[in-house]
Amino acid sequence: MKIINFKWLLSELIVIFIIVTTVLSFKYIKEKHVPLSIITNVYDIKADNMLETSRFDKKNICTKEEINDLLIEEILMQKKIKELIQEQKEIKNIEVLLEKNEEKFIIPTNGQLTSRYGPRQGSFHTGIDLASRVGTPIKASATGIVVFAGYKGSYGYMVEICHSDGYNTRYAHCSKLYVKVGEKVYKNKKIGAVGNTGRSTGPHVHFEILKYGKHQNPLQYIE
């Protein structure tokens, strides 16, 4: 007569029990309804947050498929909200461009006029040059939005501001820049400092005014 090994039998029964309970639990989650408390624990989300954006209350229960649909719906809703917030920020940033610019432009820095707008040494000078010491403040000629602030070829370090009515102004050869792209600047705000960067023969500001992309004579606009 064989002696029954109770320890081995007990261990086998425990293994079978674990397998059976695991299979049944998966089947239950898939086919049956799961309490909201279990859902929040499994998905690591707060019940209150889930209830605020769902059609379920604390007494209701939902299937695994409904949970997935609900979570996808919530993610899409949050994404749409973020997109709307971003659109509002962008609209706010360009509101200034819709304002009428009834004031004239001011000279951007204190300096000596060393080169005018027009033909120059076989080429065409697209702005005016105002010579001054390195570090002399450069100010915004009118209110607008900064659309460029950085290094740009022969311009050196440059700031470009977009104004209303199709106007843009450029401030080139700076030694320092005090503004960044997207920033709203008001007339007379310090945006940079006089320098000698880019293609330049000495410290000065090359100042341009454009209207709808075409260069204008700045001296006709400066008050």
C-alpha atoms as a PDB file:
ATOM      1  CA  MET A   1       0.000   0.000   0.000  1.00  0.00           C
ATOM      2  CA  LYS A   2       1.416   3.338  -1.089  1.00  0.00           C
ATOM      3  CA  ILE A   3       1.794   6.112   1.428  1.00  0.00           C
ATOM      4  CA  ILE A   4       0.064   9.315   0.393  1.00  0.00           C
ATOM      5  CA  ASN A   5       2.313  12.378   0.455  1.00  0.00           C
ATOM      6  CA  PHE A   6      -0.032  14.958   1.948  1.00  0.00           C
ATOM      7  CA  LYS A   7       2.384  17.851   1.452  1.00  0.00           C
ATOM      8  CA  TRP A   8       2.680  17.141  -2.262  1.00  0.00           C
ATOM      9  CA  LEU A   9      -1.111  16.751  -2.564  1.00  0.00           C
ATOM     10  CA  LEU A  10      -1.709  20.003  -0.720  1.00  0.00           C
ATOM     11  CA  SER A  11       0.714  21.895  -2.953  1.00  0.00           C
ATOM     12  CA  GLU A  12      -0.941  20.503  -6.080  1.00  0.00           C
ATOM     13  CA  LEU A  13      -4.371  21.510  -4.822  1.00  0.00           C
ATOM     14  CA  ILE A  14      -3.131  25.046  -4.147  1.00  0.00           C
ATOM     15  CA  VAL A  15      -1.738  25.321  -7.692  1.00  0.00           C
ATOM     16  CA  ILE A  16      -5.014  24.085  -9.189  1.00  0.00           C
ATOM     17  CA  PHE A  17      -6.970  26.523  -7.021  1.00  0.00           C
ATOM     18  CA  ILE A  18      -4.845  29.471  -8.169  1.00  0.00           C
ATOM     19  CA  ILE A  19      -5.225  28.522 -11.846  1.00  0.00           C
ATOM     20  CA  VAL A  20      -8.994  28.086 -11.570  1.00  0.00           C
ATOM     21  CA  THR A  21      -9.538  31.355  -9.656  1.00  0.00           C
ATOM     22  CA  THR A  22      -7.351  33.267 -12.137  1.00  0.00           C
ATOM     23  CA  VAL A  23      -9.268  31.949 -15.146  1.00  0.00           C
ATOM     24  CA  LEU A  24     -12.603  32.675 -13.497  1.00  0.00           C
ATOM     25  CA  SER A  25     -11.540  36.194 -12.541  1.00  0.00           C
ATOM     26  CA  PHE A  26     -10.489  37.037 -16.103  1.00  0.00           C
ATOM     27  CA  LYS A  27     -13.742  35.589 -17.413  1.00  0.00           C
ATOM     28  CA  TYR A  28     -15.678  37.644 -14.876  1.00  0.00           C
ATOM     29  CA  ILE A  29     -13.937  40.890 -15.809  1.00  0.00           C
ATOM     30  CA  LYS A  30     -14.477  40.258 -19.500  1.00  0.00           C
ATOM     31  CA  GLU A  31     -18.086  39.092 -19.496  1.00  0.00           C
ATOM     32  CA  LYS A  32     -19.598  40.440 -16.299  1.00  0.00           C
ATOM     33  CA  HIS A  33     -19.848  43.818 -14.709  1.00  0.00           C
ATOM     34  CA  VAL A  34     -17.119  45.291 -12.541  1.00  0.00           C
ATOM     35  CA  PRO A  35     -17.739  47.672  -9.604  1.00  0.00           C
ATOM     36  CA  LEU A  36     -16.460  51.213 -10.096  1.00  0.00           C
ATOM     37  CA  SER A  37     -14.166  50.880  -7.057  1.00  0.00           C
ATOM     38  CA  ILE A  38     -12.298  48.018  -8.743  1.00  0.00           C
ATOM     39  CA  ILE A  39     -12.099  49.918 -12.034  1.00  0.00           C
ATOM     40  CA  THR A  40     -10.479  52.928 -10.377  1.00  0.00           C
ATOM     41  CA  ASN A  41      -7.920  50.719  -8.651  1.00  0.00           C
ATOM     42  CA  VAL A  42      -7.034  48.764 -11.786  1.00  0.00           C
ATOM     43  CA  TYR A  43      -6.724  51.867 -13.993  1.00  0.00           C
ATOM     44  CA  ASP A  44      -5.180  54.007 -11.218  1.00  0.00           C
ATOM     45  CA  ILE A  45      -7.629  56.896 -11.641  1.00  0.00           C
ATOM     46  CA  LYS A  46      -9.744  58.856  -9.217  1.00  0.00           C
ATOM     47  CA  ALA A  47     -13.405  57.942  -9.090  1.00  0.00           C
ATOM     48  CA  ASP A  48     -14.515  61.575  -8.717  1.00  0.00           C
ATOM     49  CA  ASN A  49     -12.590  62.623 -11.827  1.00  0.00           C
ATOM     50  CA  MET A  50     -14.051  59.709 -13.750  1.00  0.00           C
ATOM     51  CA  LEU A  51     -17.597  60.477 -12.635  1.00  0.00           C
ATOM     52  CA  GLU A  52     -17.315  64.157 -13.553  1.00  0.00           C
ATOM     53  CA  THR A  53     -16.593  63.342 -17.185  1.00  0.00           C
ATOM     54  CA  SER A  54     -18.661  60.164 -17.579  1.00  0.00           C
ATOM     55  CA  ARG A  55     -22.275  59.122 -17.763  1.00  0.00           C
ATOM     56  CA  PHE A  56     -21.885  56.697 -14.826  1.00  0.00           C
ATOM     57  CA  ASP A  57     -22.547  57.280 -11.132  1.00  0.00           C
ATOM     58  CA  LYS A  58     -21.248  55.398  -8.090  1.00  0.00           C
ATOM     59  CA  LYS A  59     -24.081  52.875  -8.218  1.00  0.00           C
ATOM     60  CA  ASN A  60     -23.553  52.014 -11.863  1.00  0.00           C
ATOM     61  CA  ILE A  61     -21.252  49.327 -13.200  1.00  0.00           C
ATOM     62  CA  CYS A  62     -19.706  48.882 -16.625  1.00  0.00           C
ATOM     63  CA  THR A  63     -17.997  46.242 -18.733  1.00  0.00           C
ATOM     64  CA  LYS A  64     -14.341  46.218 -19.716  1.00  0.00           C
ATOM     65  CA  GLU A  65     -15.209  47.419 -23.238  1.00  0.00           C
ATOM     66  CA  GLU A  66     -17.267  50.290 -21.843  1.00  0.00           C
ATOM     67  CA  ILE A  67     -14.354  51.250 -19.591  1.00  0.00           C
ATOM     68  CA  ASN A  68     -12.009  51.463 -22.587  1.00  0.00           C
ATOM     69  CA  ASP A  69     -14.537  53.502 -24.572  1.00  0.00           C
ATOM     70  CA  LEU A  70     -15.008  55.828 -21.621  1.00  0.00           C
ATOM     71  CA  LEU A  71     -11.284  56.353 -21.129  1.00  0.00           C
ATOM     72  CA  ILE A  72     -10.766  57.047 -24.844  1.00  0.00           C
ATOM     73  CA  GLU A  73     -13.643  59.541 -24.758  1.00  0.00           C
ATOM     74  CA  GLU A  74     -12.115  61.297 -21.763  1.00  0.00           C
ATOM     75  CA  ILE A  75      -8.653  61.458 -23.388  1.00  0.00           C
ATOM     76  CA  LEU A  76     -10.112  62.978 -26.574  1.00  0.00           C
ATOM     77  CA  MET A  77     -12.081  65.494 -24.500  1.00  0.00           C
ATOM     78  CA  GLN A  78      -8.944  66.563 -22.602  1.00  0.00           C
ATOM     79  CA  LYS A  79      -7.028  66.869 -25.883  1.00  0.00           C
ATOM     80  CA  LYS A  80      -9.759  69.086 -27.371  1.00  0.00           C
ATOM     81  CA  ILE A  81      -9.741  71.294 -24.287  1.00  0.00           C
ATOM     82  CA  LYS A  82      -5.950  71.745 -24.567  1.00  0.00           C
ATOM     83  CA  GLU A  83      -6.287  72.646 -28.258  1.00  0.00           C
ATOM     84  CA  LEU A  84      -8.945  75.261 -27.472  1.00  0.00           C
ATOM     85  CA  ILE A  85      -6.769  76.768 -24.723  1.00  0.00           C
ATOM     86  CA  GLN A  86      -3.815  76.971 -27.133  1.00  0.00           C
ATOM     87  CA  GLU A  87      -5.992  78.657 -29.772  1.00  0.00           C
ATOM     88  CA  GLN A  88      -7.123  81.231 -27.212  1.00  0.00           C
ATOM     89  CA  LYS A  89      -3.495  81.972 -26.315  1.00  0.00           C
ATOM     90  CA  GLU A  90      -2.578  82.452 -29.967  1.00  0.00           C
ATOM     91  CA  ILE A  91      -5.560  84.756 -30.530  1.00  0.00           C
ATOM     92  CA  LYS A  92      -4.584  86.782 -27.475  1.00  0.00           C
ATOM     93  CA  ASN A  93      -1.004  87.103 -28.735  1.00  0.00           C
ATOM     94  CA  ILE A  94      -2.059  88.576 -32.079  1.00  0.00           C
ATOM     95  CA  GLU A  95      -4.824  90.848 -30.792  1.00  0.00           C
ATOM     96  CA  VAL A  96      -2.419  93.750 -30.987  1.00  0.00           C
ATOM     97  CA  LEU A  97      -2.083  93.176 -34.746  1.00  0.00           C
ATOM     98  CA  LEU A  98      -5.769  93.964 -35.187  1.00  0.00           C
ATOM     99  CA  GLU A  99      -5.488  97.331 -33.486  1.00  0.00           C
ATOM    100  CA  LYS A 100      -5.296 100.419 -35.672  1.00  0.00           C
ATOM    101  CA  ASN A 101      -1.877 102.048 -35.637  1.00  0.00           C
ATOM    102  CA  GLU A 102      -2.670 105.737 -35.749  1.00  0.00           C
ATOM    103  CA  GLU A 103       0.676 106.814 -34.291  1.00  0.00           C
ATOM    104  CA  LYS A 104       3.897 107.339 -36.220  1.00  0.00           C
ATOM    105  CA  PHE A 105       7.118 105.416 -35.735  1.00  0.00           C
ATOM    106  CA  ILE A 106       9.854 106.771 -33.512  1.00  0.00           C
ATOM    107  CA  ILE A 107      13.593 106.696 -34.136  1.00  0.00           C
ATOM    108  CA  PRO A 108      14.898 103.487 -32.504  1.00  0.00           C
ATOM    109  CA  THR A 109      18.108 104.852 -30.974  1.00  0.00           C
ATOM    110  CA  ASN A 110      20.075 108.013 -30.348  1.00  0.00           C
ATOM    111  CA  GLY A 111      22.733 108.132 -33.034  1.00  0.00           C
ATOM    112  CA  GLN A 112      24.079 109.849 -36.088  1.00  0.00           C
ATOM    113  CA  LEU A 113      22.459 109.220 -39.452  1.00  0.00           C
ATOM    114  CA  THR A 114      25.337 107.834 -41.530  1.00  0.00           C
ATOM    115  CA  SER A 115      23.491 106.216 -44.442  1.00  0.00           C
ATOM    116  CA  ARG A 116      20.098 106.953 -45.966  1.00  0.00           C
ATOM    117  CA  TYR A 117      17.524 104.773 -47.728  1.00  0.00           C
ATOM    118  CA  GLY A 118      18.097 104.310 -51.463  1.00  0.00           C
ATOM    119  CA  PRO A 119      20.879 103.633 -53.995  1.00  0.00           C
ATOM    120  CA  ARG A 120      24.314 103.187 -52.431  1.00  0.00           C
ATOM    121  CA  GLN A 121      27.588 102.218 -54.099  1.00  0.00           C
ATOM    122  CA  GLY A 122      25.995 100.255 -56.918  1.00  0.00           C
ATOM    123  CA  SER A 123      23.415  98.571 -54.688  1.00  0.00           C
ATOM    124  CA  PHE A 124      20.229  99.577 -52.874  1.00  0.00           C
ATOM    125  CA  HIS A 125      20.222 100.355 -49.169  1.00  0.00           C
ATOM    126  CA  THR A 126      16.914  99.063 -47.759  1.00  0.00           C
ATOM    127  CA  GLY A 127      16.964 101.105 -44.550  1.00  0.00           C
ATOM    128  CA  ILE A 128      18.830 103.784 -42.650  1.00  0.00           C
ATOM    129  CA  ASP A 129      21.971 103.485 -40.525  1.00  0.00           C
ATOM    130  CA  LEU A 130      22.224 105.172 -37.127  1.00  0.00           C
ATOM    131  CA  ALA A 131      25.760 105.112 -35.721  1.00  0.00           C
ATOM    132  CA  SER A 132      26.231 104.967 -31.961  1.00  0.00           C
ATOM    133  CA  ARG A 133      28.407 103.394 -29.278  1.00  0.00           C
ATOM    134  CA  VAL A 134      28.191  99.652 -28.628  1.00  0.00           C
ATOM    135  CA  GLY A 135      25.603  98.982 -25.939  1.00  0.00           C
ATOM    136  CA  THR A 136      23.434 102.018 -26.657  1.00  0.00           C
ATOM    137  CA  PRO A 137      19.785 100.996 -26.107  1.00  0.00           C
ATOM    138  CA  ILE A 138      17.624 100.184 -29.135  1.00  0.00           C
ATOM    139  CA  LYS A 139      13.901 100.769 -28.645  1.00  0.00           C
ATOM    140  CA  ALA A 140      10.811  99.496 -30.444  1.00  0.00           C
ATOM    141  CA  SER A 141       9.732 102.062 -33.021  1.00  0.00           C
ATOM    142  CA  ALA A 142       6.057 101.140 -32.497  1.00  0.00           C
ATOM    143  CA  THR A 143       3.879  98.645 -30.623  1.00  0.00           C
ATOM    144  CA  GLY A 144       3.797  95.118 -32.047  1.00  0.00           C
ATOM    145  CA  ILE A 145       4.721  91.439 -31.766  1.00  0.00           C
ATOM    146  CA  VAL A 146       8.294  90.135 -32.061  1.00  0.00           C
ATOM    147  CA  VAL A 147       8.423  87.704 -34.996  1.00  0.00           C
ATOM    148  CA  PHE A 148      12.205  87.235 -35.130  1.00  0.00           C
ATOM    149  CA  ALA A 149      14.983  87.602 -32.587  1.00  0.00           C
ATOM    150  CA  GLY A 150      18.315  86.018 -33.380  1.00  0.00           C
ATOM    151  CA  TYR A 151      21.226  85.875 -35.794  1.00  0.00           C
ATOM    152  CA  LYS A 152      20.391  86.370 -39.476  1.00  0.00           C
ATOM    153  CA  GLY A 153      23.297  86.400 -41.930  1.00  0.00           C
ATOM    154  CA  SER A 154      24.560  89.839 -42.939  1.00  0.00           C
ATOM    155  CA  TYR A 155      22.072  91.448 -40.525  1.00  0.00           C
ATOM    156  CA  GLY A 156      23.912  89.945 -37.577  1.00  0.00           C
ATOM    157  CA  TYR A 157      21.823  89.833 -34.432  1.00  0.00           C
ATOM    158  CA  MET A 158      18.451  91.251 -35.421  1.00  0.00           C
ATOM    159  CA  VAL A 159      14.968  91.883 -34.073  1.00  0.00           C
ATOM    160  CA  GLU A 160      11.916  92.034 -36.337  1.00  0.00           C
ATOM    161  CA  ILE A 161       8.584  93.325 -35.069  1.00  0.00           C
ATOM    162  CA  CYS A 162       5.205  92.914 -36.752  1.00  0.00           C
ATOM    163  CA  HIS A 163       2.846  95.877 -36.376  1.00  0.00           C
ATOM    164  CA  SER A 164      -0.723  96.571 -37.483  1.00  0.00           C
ATOM    165  CA  ASP A 165      -1.712  97.687 -40.979  1.00  0.00           C
ATOM    166  CA  GLY A 166       0.879  95.410 -42.631  1.00  0.00           C
ATOM    167  CA  TYR A 167       3.976  97.087 -41.179  1.00  0.00           C
ATOM    168  CA  ASN A 168       7.163  95.365 -40.007  1.00  0.00           C
ATOM    169  CA  THR A 169      10.310  96.937 -38.568  1.00  0.00           C
ATOM    170  CA  ARG A 170      13.819  95.477 -38.411  1.00  0.00           C
ATOM    171  CA  TYR A 171      16.711  96.389 -36.110  1.00  0.00           C
ATOM    172  CA  ALA A 172      20.023  94.872 -37.266  1.00  0.00           C
ATOM    173  CA  HIS A 173      23.680  94.500 -36.134  1.00  0.00           C
ATOM    174  CA  CYS A 174      22.710  94.340 -32.430  1.00  0.00           C
ATOM    175  CA  SER A 175      25.212  93.344 -29.752  1.00  0.00           C
ATOM    176  CA  LYS A 176      22.479  92.126 -27.387  1.00  0.00           C
ATOM    177  CA  LEU A 177      18.811  91.137 -27.708  1.00  0.00           C
ATOM    178  CA  TYR A 178      16.353  91.685 -24.855  1.00  0.00           C
ATOM    179  CA  VAL A 179      13.196  90.194 -26.403  1.00  0.00           C
ATOM    180  CA  LYS A 180      12.048  86.834 -27.741  1.00  0.00           C
ATOM    181  CA  VAL A 181       9.726  85.633 -30.499  1.00  0.00           C
ATOM    182  CA  GLY A 182       6.037  85.957 -29.635  1.00  0.00           C
ATOM    183  CA  GLU A 183       6.584  88.728 -27.109  1.00  0.00           C
ATOM    184  CA  LYS A 184       4.378  91.806 -27.256  1.00  0.00           C
ATOM    185  CA  VAL A 185       6.405  95.006 -27.111  1.00  0.00           C
ATOM    186  CA  TYR A 186       5.208  98.548 -26.678  1.00  0.00           C
ATOM    187  CA  LYS A 187       6.505 101.636 -28.405  1.00  0.00           C
ATOM    188  CA  ASN A 188       9.738 102.873 -26.817  1.00  0.00           C
ATOM    189  CA  LYS A 189      10.486  99.526 -25.063  1.00  0.00           C
ATOM    190  CA  LYS A 190      14.157  98.516 -25.012  1.00  0.00           C
ATOM    191  CA  ILE A 191      14.559  95.510 -27.320  1.00  0.00           C
ATOM    192  CA  GLY A 192      18.315  95.375 -27.872  1.00  0.00           C
ATOM    193  CA  ALA A 193      21.651  97.159 -27.832  1.00  0.00           C
ATOM    194  CA  VAL A 194      23.743  98.725 -30.587  1.00  0.00           C
ATOM    195  CA  GLY A 195      26.445  96.432 -31.929  1.00  0.00           C
ATOM    196  CA  ASN A 196      28.690  95.574 -34.848  1.00  0.00           C
ATOM    197  CA  THR A 197      27.540  92.042 -35.726  1.00  0.00           C
ATOM    198  CA  GLY A 198      26.981  90.682 -39.229  1.00  0.00           C
ATOM    199  CA  ARG A 199      28.257  92.629 -42.235  1.00  0.00           C
ATOM    200  CA  SER A 200      29.036  95.936 -40.604  1.00  0.00           C
ATOM    201  CA  THR A 201      31.810  98.539 -40.825  1.00  0.00           C
ATOM    202  CA  GLY A 202      31.238  99.943 -37.342  1.00  0.00           C
ATOM    203  CA  PRO A 203      28.782 100.074 -34.416  1.00  0.00           C
ATOM    204  CA  HIS A 204      25.363 101.137 -35.676  1.00  0.00           C
ATOM    205  CA  VAL A 205      21.713 100.150 -36.082  1.00  0.00           C
ATOM    206  CA  HIS A 206      20.432  99.283 -39.526  1.00  0.00           C
ATOM    207  CA  PHE A 207      16.727 100.183 -39.302  1.00  0.00           C
ATOM    208  CA  GLU A 208      14.129  99.069 -41.846  1.00  0.00           C
ATOM    209  CA  ILE A 209      10.392  99.641 -42.266  1.00  0.00           C
ATOM    210  CA  LEU A 210       8.402  97.305 -44.516  1.00  0.00           C
ATOM    211  CA  LYS A 211       4.759  97.463 -45.560  1.00  0.00           C
ATOM    212  CA  TYR A 212       3.249  94.194 -46.763  1.00  0.00           C
ATOM    213  CA  GLY A 213       6.788  92.917 -47.346  1.00  0.00           C
ATOM    214  CA  LYS A 214       8.030  95.896 -49.383  1.00  0.00           C
ATOM    215  CA  HIS A 215      10.741  98.193 -48.058  1.00  0.00           C
ATOM    216  CA  GLN A 216       9.809 101.778 -47.297  1.00  0.00           C
ATOM    217  CA  ASN A 217      11.860 104.894 -46.609  1.00  0.00           C
ATOM    218  CA  PRO A 218      11.976 105.051 -42.786  1.00  0.00           C
ATOM    219  CA  LEU A 219      12.543 108.813 -42.800  1.00  0.00           C
ATOM    220  CA  GLN A 220       9.051 109.266 -44.250  1.00  0.00           C
ATOM    221  CA  TYR A 221       7.508 107.505 -41.243  1.00  0.00           C
ATOM    222  CA  ILE A 222       9.599 108.616 -38.281  1.00  0.00           C
ATOM    223  CA  GLU A 223       8.041 111.400 -36.266  1.00  0.00           C
END
